């Protein structure tokens, strides 16, 4: 009798444990050398599994991309839909109908893993969750994530919403190299998300593992405990991925083992091979968000925005048809207008007439040659051009100081104010400039001040040539919202950075003519920046430079 009772008890215990075992999520792992993309270890890395909130890595990648493309800004006020407000936790607690700046949605999605914020980001960029999912899949394929399909922006379980450990490592590497100006958000222990201060879901691992600086956690019942982590030690950066952990502690311990393995196997010295830019041409022409009839999730009129595709640049601009009931335009007038247009185009193609003055400003080739030789600043003006020395101008090109005379040399494109030269016996003045604004700051709530030229008085009195001193830059104008800029990267020397600035200004004179060239010294090199631009000017300049395959990032308040 006792024997039968023991058998029944064993069967009962097995049946009780069966649901628990069935809930165990499939396991997968991968370790990658971020510098080269080399895979150092993998287990089930190409098995399609539930990514859970690792999905938000792609949502944020697309958000950063949309900001860079000028589709949206960090300060854009996003109206929250009922769909976003009703997402399951984790969430920030958004209410339907309220508006909130995009920067706060990004912070909460990255740090707290807020599902309502991720959905709101997708709707703000693409108009609906369905349209954003299409963009997610297009972007994933362009990044090389060939085994992933996405159905929503937050990673809540949905049939067909699947990814792999290998694809998530690829995405993590792109986030680090493609958007370094935003990557720091993944290492913040807490951040202001507008409605509240939120804490990082990955704080335990960030605090426990030396060199860890991101990236994203994820959890659902079908997915288990997921994590994509990145750590850097001694110039070696390793990316690890875990799918299907059984608990937070078990997942973190496994990730620590994987990263240790990676640091042990990775070479101490290896050339950094940044991942290629997304190959959209191999997938589909990227969509442009345009002001059009709003669409619903099903593509019907009634949503936030409409996605359209373009096949090429505009080649013709025909005269619009006149409205019904209005008299048709006079053909003679149209012919005269066309003649004026043709004449203007001809003048533009011929270029300006050569200056009669033999001491005209330097040509582009001469300017670049001076930069190569380390002669930073404008060419000197002829001695007879002194009429403007005592004028007060809003913008002009100041002369470089003559040898042995006080004064400063200012880049040609600097917008500045000129004042009359100081009288004889006055102290000579020099100028210094505050640091150029840095990359868009997701932590900042108040715009940064634009750099200003300020006056510093010299310790010694001027010599008897002080009366001949050229104009002095007093400060930059801060009007018209010109607190934006762009950066072209870091260089080994100030001369190299200035040379790139000059070449870029000459190549893209249409958008950079009024920008200030600024070389900023950093610990890792010299940044080549343009400052004193509006946000629209900075965005447009970066898009045009990127179209020329020139690296460019916007710098904002």
Protein backbone atom coordinates (compact mmCIF):
# COMPACT_ATOMS: atom_id res chain seq x y z
CA UNK A 1 0.00 0.00 0.00
CA UNK A 2 2.82 2.36 0.87
CA UNK A 3 4.51 1.40 -2.39
CA UNK A 4 1.45 2.43 -4.44
CA UNK A 5 1.16 5.66 -2.44
CA UNK A 6 4.79 6.53 -3.22
CA UNK A 7 4.22 5.90 -6.95
CA UNK A 8 1.13 8.13 -6.98
CA UNK A 9 3.08 10.85 -5.14
CA UNK A 10 5.90 10.71 -7.70
CA UNK A 11 3.45 11.00 -10.58
CA UNK A 12 1.71 13.92 -8.90
CA UNK A 13 4.98 15.73 -8.38
CA UNK A 14 5.97 15.19 -12.01
CA UNK A 15 2.67 16.59 -13.21
CA UNK A 16 3.03 19.59 -10.93
CA UNK A 17 6.49 20.34 -12.27
CA UNK A 18 5.53 19.90 -15.94
CA UNK A 19 4.14 23.45 -16.45
CA UNK A 20 7.27 24.96 -14.89
CA UNK A 21 9.55 23.03 -17.21
CA UNK A 22 7.38 23.92 -20.20
CA UNK A 23 7.83 27.61 -19.44
CA UNK A 24 11.64 27.41 -19.73
CA UNK A 25 12.60 29.55 -22.74
CA UNK A 26 15.09 28.29 -25.34
CA UNK A 27 18.67 29.36 -24.65
CA UNK A 28 21.01 31.11 -27.07
CA UNK A 29 24.24 33.07 -26.68
CA UNK A 30 26.86 34.87 -28.74
CA UNK A 31 30.10 36.77 -28.09
CA UNK A 32 31.44 39.30 -30.64
CA UNK A 33 34.58 41.40 -30.92
CA UNK A 34 32.98 44.80 -31.51
CA UNK A 35 36.09 46.17 -33.21
CA UNK A 36 35.99 43.73 -36.12
CA UNK A 37 32.62 42.02 -35.81
CA UNK A 38 34.37 38.65 -35.40
CA UNK A 39 32.32 36.01 -33.57
CA UNK A 40 34.27 34.56 -30.64
CA UNK A 41 31.61 32.18 -29.31
CA UNK A 42 28.08 31.14 -30.26
CA UNK A 43 25.40 28.72 -29.14
CA UNK A 44 22.07 28.53 -30.98
CA UNK A 45 22.95 32.03 -32.18
CA UNK A 46 20.90 31.77 -35.38
CA UNK A 47 17.79 30.29 -33.75
CA UNK A 48 14.79 32.60 -34.10
CA UNK A 49 13.53 33.40 -30.59
CA UNK A 50 11.44 36.02 -28.80
CA UNK A 51 13.62 39.14 -28.30
CA UNK A 52 11.27 40.81 -25.77
CA UNK A 53 12.46 44.36 -24.96
CA UNK A 54 15.71 43.92 -26.90
CA UNK A 55 13.35 45.10 -29.66
CA UNK A 56 13.64 48.62 -28.27
CA UNK A 57 17.26 48.73 -29.46
CA UNK A 58 15.97 48.83 -33.04
CA UNK A 59 13.21 51.29 -32.12
CA UNK A 60 15.83 53.64 -30.68
CA UNK A 61 18.18 53.13 -33.64
CA UNK A 62 15.40 54.26 -35.99
CA UNK A 63 14.60 57.21 -33.71
CA UNK A 64 18.25 58.35 -33.78
CA UNK A 65 18.27 57.89 -37.55
CA UNK A 66 15.08 59.93 -37.95
CA UNK A 67 16.58 62.75 -35.88
CA UNK A 68 19.71 62.74 -38.01
CA UNK A 69 17.62 62.77 -41.20
CA UNK A 70 15.61 65.76 -40.01
CA UNK A 71 12.31 63.85 -39.82
CA UNK A 72 11.87 64.71 -36.15
CA UNK A 73 13.77 66.46 -33.34
CA UNK A 74 14.46 65.74 -29.69
CA UNK A 75 12.16 68.62 -28.77
CA UNK A 76 9.24 67.51 -30.97
CA UNK A 77 6.08 67.32 -28.88
CA UNK A 78 4.54 63.87 -29.35
CA UNK A 79 0.83 63.40 -28.76
CA UNK A 80 0.13 60.13 -26.98
CA UNK A 81 -2.45 57.81 -28.53
CA UNK A 82 -4.77 55.57 -26.52
CA UNK A 83 -2.93 52.58 -27.97
CA UNK A 84 0.38 53.76 -26.55
CA UNK A 85 -1.15 54.75 -23.20
CA UNK A 86 -2.74 51.31 -22.79
CA UNK A 87 0.41 49.23 -23.37
CA UNK A 88 1.26 46.69 -20.68
CA UNK A 89 3.99 47.43 -18.10
CA UNK A 90 6.78 48.23 -17.86
CA UNK A 91 5.60 51.75 -18.68
CA UNK A 92 6.15 55.41 -17.83
CA UNK A 93 2.45 56.06 -17.23
CA UNK A 94 1.56 58.19 -20.25
CA UNK A 95 -2.05 59.36 -20.66
CA UNK A 96 -3.95 59.42 -23.92
CA UNK A 97 -4.03 62.90 -25.40
CA UNK A 98 -1.11 64.34 -23.46
CA UNK A 99 2.00 65.64 -25.23
CA UNK A 100 5.60 65.02 -24.25
CA UNK A 101 8.97 65.79 -25.83
CA UNK A 102 10.58 63.00 -27.83
CA UNK A 103 13.75 63.17 -25.71
CA UNK A 104 11.80 61.96 -22.65
CA UNK A 105 10.28 59.07 -24.59
CA UNK A 106 13.75 58.00 -25.71
CA UNK A 107 15.13 58.14 -22.17
CA UNK A 108 12.28 56.10 -20.70
CA UNK A 109 12.40 53.52 -23.49
CA UNK A 110 16.17 53.07 -23.19
CA UNK A 111 16.56 53.20 -19.40
CA UNK A 112 13.24 51.97 -17.93
CA UNK A 113 12.28 49.89 -20.99
CA UNK A 114 8.88 51.62 -21.03
CA UNK A 115 6.51 49.97 -23.50
CA UNK A 116 4.16 52.96 -23.76
CA UNK A 117 7.08 55.22 -24.70
CA UNK A 118 8.40 52.81 -27.35
CA UNK A 119 4.98 52.65 -29.00
CA UNK A 120 4.69 56.45 -28.90
CA UNK A 121 8.10 56.79 -30.59
CA UNK A 122 7.03 54.46 -33.39
CA UNK A 123 3.75 56.30 -33.95
CA UNK A 124 5.47 59.69 -33.91
CA UNK A 125 7.93 58.64 -36.61
CA UNK A 126 5.81 56.45 -38.89
CA UNK A 127 2.23 57.38 -38.03
CA UNK A 128 1.12 53.98 -36.76
CA UNK A 129 2.47 50.82 -35.21
CA UNK A 130 1.96 48.87 -38.45
CA UNK A 131 3.89 51.40 -40.55
CA UNK A 132 6.66 51.56 -37.97
CA UNK A 133 6.93 47.76 -38.01
CA UNK A 134 7.47 47.94 -41.77
CA UNK A 135 10.25 50.43 -41.24
CA UNK A 136 11.75 48.23 -38.53
CA UNK A 137 11.90 45.27 -40.87
CA UNK A 138 13.34 47.37 -43.69
CA UNK A 139 16.00 48.81 -41.37
CA UNK A 140 16.82 45.40 -39.88
CA UNK A 141 17.46 43.95 -43.34
CA UNK A 142 19.58 46.97 -44.30
CA UNK A 143 21.69 46.43 -41.16
CA UNK A 144 22.26 42.76 -42.02
CA UNK A 145 19.79 41.32 -39.49
CA UNK A 146 18.62 38.71 -41.97
CA UNK A 147 16.78 36.41 -39.53
CA UNK A 148 14.63 38.98 -37.71
CA UNK A 149 11.01 40.04 -38.18
CA UNK A 150 9.29 42.67 -36.05
CA UNK A 151 5.62 43.39 -35.39
CA UNK A 152 5.78 46.20 -32.82
CA UNK A 153 8.11 48.80 -31.33
CA UNK A 154 8.27 47.51 -27.75
CA UNK A 155 8.85 43.75 -27.97
CA UNK A 156 5.69 42.52 -26.28
CA UNK A 157 5.04 38.97 -27.49
CA UNK A 158 3.42 38.84 -30.92
CA UNK A 159 3.25 35.95 -33.37
CA UNK A 160 6.09 36.29 -35.87
CA UNK A 161 7.97 38.86 -33.76
CA UNK A 162 11.31 37.03 -33.64
CA UNK A 163 15.04 37.65 -33.74
CA UNK A 164 18.34 35.86 -33.06
CA UNK A 165 21.33 36.33 -30.79
CA UNK A 166 23.48 36.95 -33.88
CA UNK A 167 21.16 39.67 -35.23
CA UNK A 168 20.99 41.41 -31.86
CA UNK A 169 24.80 41.50 -31.66
CA UNK A 170 24.86 43.13 -35.10
CA UNK A 171 22.31 45.71 -33.93
CA UNK A 172 24.24 46.44 -30.73
CA UNK A 173 27.42 47.02 -32.74
CA UNK A 174 25.61 49.43 -35.08
CA UNK A 175 24.18 51.39 -32.14
CA UNK A 176 27.67 51.88 -30.72
CA UNK A 177 29.38 52.91 -33.95
CA UNK A 178 26.55 54.61 -35.86
CA UNK A 179 25.28 56.82 -33.02
CA UNK A 180 28.12 57.43 -30.54
CA UNK A 181 26.52 60.74 -29.57
CA UNK A 182 23.54 58.88 -28.08
CA UNK A 183 25.14 55.64 -26.87
CA UNK A 184 25.83 56.98 -23.35
CA UNK A 185 22.12 56.84 -22.54
CA UNK A 186 22.35 53.04 -22.19
CA UNK A 187 24.78 53.33 -19.27
CA UNK A 188 22.78 55.82 -17.19
CA UNK A 189 21.69 54.42 -13.84
CA UNK A 190 18.77 56.85 -13.76
CA UNK A 191 17.44 59.71 -15.85
CA UNK A 192 14.73 62.37 -15.96
CA UNK A 193 11.93 61.13 -18.20
CA UNK A 194 9.75 64.21 -17.89
CA UNK A 195 6.99 62.66 -15.81
CA UNK A 196 9.36 61.00 -13.37
CA UNK A 197 12.95 59.98 -12.72
CA UNK A 198 13.37 56.40 -13.93
CA UNK A 199 15.98 53.79 -13.00
CA UNK A 200 17.92 51.53 -15.35
CA UNK A 201 16.71 47.93 -15.64
CA UNK A 202 20.35 46.89 -16.12
CA UNK A 203 21.84 48.65 -13.08
CA UNK A 204 22.94 45.45 -11.34
CA UNK A 205 25.05 44.27 -14.23
CA UNK A 206 26.45 47.72 -14.99
CA UNK A 207 27.59 48.03 -11.38
CA UNK A 208 28.92 44.48 -11.10
CA UNK A 209 30.95 44.07 -14.31
CA UNK A 210 34.03 46.23 -14.87
CA UNK A 211 33.87 48.18 -18.12
CA UNK A 212 30.18 47.47 -18.84
CA UNK A 213 28.35 50.41 -20.42
CA UNK A 214 25.12 48.99 -21.87
CA UNK A 215 23.07 47.98 -23.67
CA UNK A 216 19.57 46.54 -23.08
CA UNK A 217 17.62 44.01 -21.02
CA UNK A 218 14.48 42.15 -22.03
CA UNK A 219 11.98 39.85 -20.38
CA UNK A 220 8.69 38.14 -21.18
CA UNK A 221 7.44 34.68 -20.23
CA UNK A 222 8.05 33.14 -23.68
CA UNK A 223 11.41 34.91 -24.06
CA UNK A 224 12.92 34.42 -20.63
CA UNK A 225 15.54 36.84 -19.34
CA UNK A 226 17.43 38.38 -22.26
CA UNK A 227 20.39 40.76 -22.31
CA UNK A 228 22.65 42.45 -24.84
CA UNK A 229 25.69 43.83 -23.03
CA UNK A 230 28.82 45.67 -24.11
CA UNK A 231 32.00 46.24 -22.15
CA UNK A 232 35.36 47.85 -22.91
CA UNK A 233 38.70 47.08 -21.27
CA UNK A 234 42.09 48.30 -22.43
CA UNK A 235 40.84 49.31 -25.84
CA UNK A 236 39.10 45.98 -26.45
CA UNK A 237 35.30 46.11 -26.73
CA UNK A 238 33.21 42.95 -26.46
CA UNK A 239 29.48 42.51 -27.14
CA UNK A 240 27.63 39.62 -25.53
CA UNK A 241 24.07 38.35 -26.07
CA UNK A 242 22.01 36.02 -23.88
CA UNK A 243 18.54 34.71 -24.76
CA UNK A 244 16.44 32.57 -22.43
CA UNK A 245 17.99 33.22 -19.02
CA UNK A 246 16.10 31.70 -16.10
CA UNK A 247 16.43 34.72 -13.79
CA UNK A 248 18.08 38.12 -13.62
CA UNK A 249 20.94 36.78 -11.50
CA UNK A 250 21.48 33.70 -13.67
CA UNK A 251 21.41 35.81 -16.84
CA UNK A 252 23.89 38.34 -15.43
CA UNK A 253 26.25 35.60 -14.24
CA UNK A 254 26.12 33.94 -17.65
CA UNK A 255 26.79 37.27 -19.36
CA UNK A 256 29.81 37.88 -17.13
CA UNK A 257 31.19 34.47 -18.15
CA UNK A 258 30.62 35.21 -21.83
CA UNK A 259 32.31 38.61 -21.67
CA UNK A 260 35.25 37.11 -19.75
CA UNK A 261 35.56 34.52 -22.51
CA UNK A 262 35.48 37.29 -25.09
CA UNK A 263 38.23 39.35 -23.44
CA UNK A 264 40.35 36.19 -23.11
CA UNK A 265 39.99 35.23 -26.79
CA UNK A 266 40.04 38.65 -28.44
CA UNK A 267 43.43 39.95 -29.59
CA UNK A 268 44.83 42.81 -27.54
CA UNK A 269 45.45 44.81 -30.69
CA UNK A 270 43.10 44.77 -33.66
CA UNK A 271 42.17 47.25 -36.32
CA UNK A 272 38.72 48.77 -35.85
CA UNK A 273 36.49 48.06 -38.81
CA UNK A 274 33.31 50.03 -38.30
CA UNK A 275 30.16 48.40 -39.68
CA UNK A 276 28.99 49.61 -43.05
CA UNK A 277 26.13 52.09 -43.22
CA UNK A 278 22.68 50.49 -43.63
CA UNK A 279 22.38 49.16 -47.18
CA UNK A 280 18.90 50.48 -47.91
CA UNK A 281 19.53 50.32 -51.65
CA UNK A 282 19.74 46.53 -51.33
CA UNK A 283 16.37 46.36 -49.58
CA UNK A 284 14.10 49.20 -50.65
CA UNK A 285 14.29 52.94 -51.08
CA UNK A 286 13.91 54.46 -47.59
CA UNK A 287 10.58 56.15 -46.98
CA UNK A 288 10.29 59.85 -46.42
CA UNK A 289 7.78 61.14 -43.91
CA UNK A 290 5.74 63.82 -45.63
CA UNK A 291 2.85 66.05 -44.73
CA UNK A 292 -0.03 64.20 -46.34
CA UNK A 293 -3.43 62.74 -45.55
CA UNK A 294 -3.19 61.01 -42.15
CA UNK A 295 -3.36 57.23 -42.26
CA UNK A 296 -4.57 54.63 -39.82
CA UNK A 297 -2.72 51.46 -38.93
CA UNK A 298 -4.38 49.80 -41.91
CA UNK A 299 -3.22 52.57 -44.21
CA UNK A 300 -6.57 54.36 -44.34
CA UNK A 301 -7.13 58.07 -43.86
CA UNK A 302 -7.30 59.05 -40.21
CA UNK A 303 -3.88 58.40 -38.63
CA UNK A 304 -0.90 60.65 -37.90
CA UNK A 305 1.11 60.63 -41.12
CA UNK A 306 1.53 58.98 -44.47
CA UNK A 307 4.62 57.21 -45.81
CA UNK A 308 5.45 57.92 -49.43
CA UNK A 309 8.31 56.84 -51.66
CA UNK A 310 10.24 58.82 -54.18
CA UNK A 311 12.18 57.53 -57.17
CA UNK A 312 14.53 60.43 -57.80
CA UNK A 313 15.16 64.15 -57.80
CA UNK A 314 12.74 66.61 -59.36
CA UNK A 315 13.79 67.43 -62.91
CA UNK A 316 10.94 69.75 -63.98
CA UNK A 317 8.85 72.43 -62.35
CA UNK A 318 5.88 73.06 -64.68
CA UNK A 319 3.62 76.06 -64.23
CA UNK A 320 0.53 75.01 -62.22
CA UNK A 321 -2.78 74.87 -64.00
CA UNK A 322 -5.03 77.81 -63.31
CA UNK A 323 -8.04 77.32 -61.10
CA UNK A 324 -11.42 76.65 -62.70
CA UNK A 325 -13.19 79.94 -63.40
CA UNK A 326 -9.98 81.98 -63.38
CA UNK A 327 -8.65 83.53 -66.53
CA UNK A 328 -5.73 81.68 -68.09
CA UNK A 329 -2.38 83.49 -67.72
CA UNK A 330 -1.22 85.67 -70.55
CA UNK A 331 1.09 83.56 -72.80
CA UNK A 332 3.27 86.63 -73.38
CA UNK A 333 3.79 86.98 -69.64
CA UNK A 334 4.81 83.33 -69.34
CA UNK A 335 7.33 83.75 -72.17
CA UNK A 336 8.81 86.83 -70.46
CA UNK A 337 9.06 84.95 -67.18
CA UNK A 338 10.81 82.06 -68.89
CA UNK A 339 13.27 84.46 -70.52
CA UNK A 340 14.09 85.95 -67.12
CA UNK A 341 14.61 82.47 -65.66
CA UNK A 342 16.88 81.40 -68.53
CA UNK A 343 18.88 84.60 -68.17
CA UNK A 344 19.35 84.07 -64.43
CA UNK A 345 20.46 80.48 -64.99
CA UNK A 346 22.97 81.58 -67.60
CA UNK A 347 24.42 84.19 -65.23
CA UNK A 348 24.70 81.61 -62.47
CA UNK A 349 26.53 79.17 -64.75
CA UNK A 350 28.97 81.81 -65.95
CA UNK A 351 29.80 82.85 -62.38
CA UNK A 352 30.76 86.34 -61.20
CA UNK A 353 32.92 88.52 -63.33
CA UNK A 354 36.62 88.56 -62.36
CA UNK A 355 37.55 91.34 -59.97
CA UNK A 356 39.57 94.21 -61.36
CA UNK A 357 41.58 94.54 -58.17
CA UNK A 358 44.73 92.39 -58.47
CA UNK A 359 44.70 91.89 -54.69
CA UNK A 360 41.30 90.19 -54.64
CA UNK A 361 40.50 87.56 -52.00
CA UNK A 362 42.27 84.23 -52.30
CA UNK A 363 40.95 81.50 -54.56
CA UNK A 364 39.77 78.18 -53.19
CA UNK A 365 43.04 76.50 -54.15
CA UNK A 366 45.08 79.22 -52.41
CA UNK A 367 42.95 78.93 -49.27
CA UNK A 368 43.44 75.14 -49.10
CA UNK A 369 47.17 75.55 -49.75
CA UNK A 370 47.42 77.99 -46.82
CA UNK A 371 45.60 75.50 -44.60
CA UNK A 372 48.01 72.72 -45.63
CA UNK A 373 50.91 74.98 -44.70
CA UNK A 374 49.41 75.64 -41.27
CA UNK A 375 48.46 79.23 -42.05
CA UNK A 376 45.05 79.34 -40.44
CA UNK A 377 42.97 82.43 -41.13
CA UNK A 378 42.19 84.72 -44.05
CA UNK A 379 44.67 86.20 -46.46
CA UNK A 380 45.73 89.81 -45.64
CA UNK A 381 43.96 92.66 -47.40
CA UNK A 382 45.89 95.18 -49.47
CA UNK A 383 47.15 98.21 -47.54
CA UNK A 384 44.87 100.68 -49.32
CA UNK A 385 41.70 98.97 -48.09
CA UNK A 386 41.37 100.96 -44.87
CA UNK A 387 38.05 102.68 -45.43
CA UNK A 388 36.13 100.03 -43.49
CA UNK A 389 38.54 99.84 -40.57
CA UNK A 390 36.50 102.25 -38.48
CA UNK A 391 33.09 101.07 -39.65
CA UNK A 392 30.64 99.12 -37.52
CA UNK A 393 29.48 96.14 -39.58
CA UNK A 394 27.13 93.28 -38.80
CA UNK A 395 29.06 90.74 -40.89
CA UNK A 396 32.19 91.03 -43.02
CA UNK A 397 35.57 89.43 -43.58
CA UNK A 398 38.17 90.89 -41.21
CA UNK A 399 41.78 91.25 -42.34
CA UNK A 400 44.55 89.22 -40.79
CA UNK A 401 46.97 91.39 -38.76
CA UNK A 402 50.10 92.55 -40.45
CA UNK A 403 53.38 91.22 -39.14
CA UNK A 404 54.33 92.80 -35.84
CA UNK A 405 50.94 94.45 -35.37
CA UNK A 406 48.37 93.55 -32.73
CA UNK A 407 45.15 91.88 -33.72
CA UNK A 408 43.75 88.44 -34.47
CA UNK A 409 43.10 86.36 -37.55
CA UNK A 410 39.55 85.09 -37.84
CA UNK A 411 38.25 82.37 -40.22
CA UNK A 412 36.63 83.81 -43.32
CA UNK A 413 33.15 82.48 -42.67
CA UNK A 414 32.87 83.78 -39.11
CA UNK A 415 29.70 85.85 -38.49
CA UNK A 416 30.81 88.69 -36.22
CA UNK A 417 30.48 92.32 -35.31
CA UNK A 418 33.24 94.83 -35.99
CA UNK A 419 33.95 97.87 -33.90
CA UNK A 420 36.26 100.80 -34.53
CA UNK A 421 39.93 100.28 -33.81
CA UNK A 422 41.06 101.21 -30.27
CA UNK A 423 42.70 104.62 -29.94
CA UNK A 424 46.42 104.99 -29.56
CA UNK A 425 47.67 104.12 -26.11
CA UNK A 426 44.74 101.86 -25.36
CA UNK A 427 45.29 98.31 -24.31
CA UNK A 428 45.39 95.86 -27.25
CA UNK A 429 42.73 93.22 -27.19
CA UNK A 430 42.71 89.59 -28.08
CA UNK A 431 39.79 87.23 -28.33
CA UNK A 432 39.06 83.84 -26.96
CA UNK A 433 36.17 81.56 -27.70
CA UNK A 434 34.13 79.26 -25.49
CA UNK A 435 33.91 75.61 -26.33
CA UNK A 436 31.71 74.55 -29.26
CA UNK A 437 28.41 72.90 -28.30
CA UNK A 438 28.62 69.12 -28.17
CA UNK A 439 26.39 66.34 -29.47
CA UNK A 440 22.64 66.49 -28.74
CA UNK A 441 22.32 66.05 -24.99
CA UNK A 442 19.49 63.78 -23.92
CA UNK A 443 20.18 64.70 -20.30
CA UNK A 444 19.96 68.44 -20.71
CA UNK A 445 16.65 70.18 -20.10
CA UNK A 446 17.81 73.67 -20.94
CA UNK A 447 19.50 74.73 -24.20
CA UNK A 448 23.21 75.27 -23.99
CA UNK A 449 24.54 78.75 -24.63
CA UNK A 450 26.11 79.34 -27.96
CA UNK A 451 29.88 79.97 -27.93
CA UNK A 452 30.78 83.63 -27.64
CA UNK A 453 33.84 85.66 -28.47
CA UNK A 454 34.84 87.62 -25.36
CA UNK A 455 37.45 90.28 -24.85
CA UNK A 456 40.56 89.75 -22.76
CA UNK A 457 42.71 92.80 -22.03
CA UNK A 458 46.46 92.38 -22.43
CA UNK A 459 48.71 93.03 -19.44
CA UNK A 460 50.99 95.46 -21.25
CA UNK A 461 50.01 98.78 -22.90
CA UNK A 462 49.94 98.99 -26.67
CA UNK A 463 52.87 100.34 -28.62
CA UNK A 464 52.74 103.40 -30.82
CA UNK A 465 51.21 101.39 -33.65
CA UNK A 466 48.01 100.76 -31.68
CA UNK A 467 46.15 103.33 -33.74
CA UNK A 468 46.62 101.14 -36.80
CA UNK A 469 45.20 98.01 -35.14
CA UNK A 470 42.56 96.25 -37.22
CA UNK A 471 38.99 95.64 -36.16
CA UNK A 472 38.43 93.35 -33.16
CA UNK A 473 35.82 90.64 -32.86
CA UNK A 474 33.66 91.29 -29.85
CA UNK A 475 31.12 88.46 -29.75
CA UNK A 476 29.03 86.17 -31.90
CA UNK A 477 25.38 86.88 -32.42
CA UNK A 478 23.05 84.56 -30.53
CA UNK A 479 19.89 85.67 -32.32
CA UNK A 480 17.70 83.63 -34.67
CA UNK A 481 18.29 80.38 -32.76
CA UNK A 482 21.79 79.87 -34.18
CA UNK A 483 22.84 77.54 -31.37
CA UNK A 484 23.36 74.47 -33.55
CA UNK A 485 26.37 73.15 -35.38
CA UNK A 486 27.88 70.07 -36.99
CA UNK A 487 31.03 68.03 -36.44
CA UNK A 488 33.10 66.24 -39.08
CA UNK A 489 35.01 64.05 -36.62
CA UNK A 490 38.41 64.09 -34.88
CA UNK A 491 41.83 64.59 -36.45
CA UNK A 492 45.45 64.24 -35.34
CA UNK A 493 46.36 67.94 -35.58
CA UNK A 494 44.60 71.31 -35.63
CA UNK A 495 45.97 71.96 -39.12
CA UNK A 496 44.44 68.71 -40.41
CA UNK A 497 41.09 69.58 -38.82
CA UNK A 498 41.15 73.13 -40.25
CA UNK A 499 42.09 71.80 -43.68
CA UNK A 500 39.03 69.51 -43.65
CA UNK A 501 36.85 72.42 -42.51
CA UNK A 502 38.04 74.63 -45.36
CA UNK A 503 37.62 71.93 -48.00
CA UNK A 504 34.15 71.13 -46.67
CA UNK A 505 33.15 74.80 -46.58
CA UNK A 506 34.24 75.20 -50.20
CA UNK A 507 32.46 72.03 -51.29
CA UNK A 508 29.23 72.91 -49.44
CA UNK A 509 29.27 76.69 -49.55
CA UNK A 510 25.52 76.88 -49.99
CA UNK A 511 24.78 75.67 -46.45
CA UNK A 512 28.02 76.51 -44.63
CA UNK A 513 28.72 80.03 -45.91
CA UNK A 514 27.64 81.68 -42.66
CA UNK A 515 28.88 79.00 -40.26
CA UNK A 516 31.82 79.42 -37.91
CA UNK A 517 34.74 77.04 -38.41
CA UNK A 518 35.98 75.83 -35.04
CA UNK A 519 38.71 73.36 -34.09
CA UNK A 520 38.15 71.97 -30.59
CA UNK A 521 40.94 70.17 -28.75
CA UNK A 522 39.92 66.89 -27.13
CA UNK A 523 41.86 64.18 -25.33
CA UNK A 524 41.57 61.93 -28.38
CA UNK A 525 42.29 64.53 -31.06
CA UNK A 526 41.04 67.75 -32.62
CA UNK A 527 37.37 68.06 -33.55
CA UNK A 528 36.49 69.81 -36.80
CA UNK A 529 33.23 71.66 -36.12
CA UNK A 530 30.98 74.23 -37.75
CA UNK A 531 28.99 76.35 -35.28
CA UNK A 532 26.61 79.29 -35.35
CA UNK A 533 23.87 77.56 -37.35
CA UNK A 534 20.15 77.13 -36.97
CA UNK A 535 18.80 73.63 -36.49
CA UNK A 536 17.46 73.55 -40.05
CA UNK A 537 20.82 74.67 -41.43
CA UNK A 538 22.70 72.05 -39.41
CA UNK A 539 20.33 69.25 -40.42
CA UNK A 540 20.42 70.24 -44.08
CA UNK A 541 24.21 70.56 -44.10
CA UNK A 542 24.65 67.11 -42.56
CA UNK A 543 22.24 65.49 -44.99
CA UNK A 544 24.03 67.04 -47.96
CA UNK A 545 27.47 66.08 -46.63
CA UNK A 546 26.37 62.53 -45.89
CA UNK A 547 25.11 62.32 -49.46
CA UNK A 548 28.71 63.10 -50.48
CA UNK A 549 29.91 60.24 -48.22
CA UNK A 550 31.34 62.76 -45.72
CA UNK A 551 30.90 61.86 -42.05
CA UNK A 552 28.77 64.44 -40.26
CA UNK A 553 26.88 64.70 -36.97
CA UNK A 554 24.69 67.55 -35.76
CA UNK A 555 25.51 69.38 -32.53
CA UNK A 556 22.53 70.82 -30.70
CA UNK A 557 21.58 72.54 -27.46
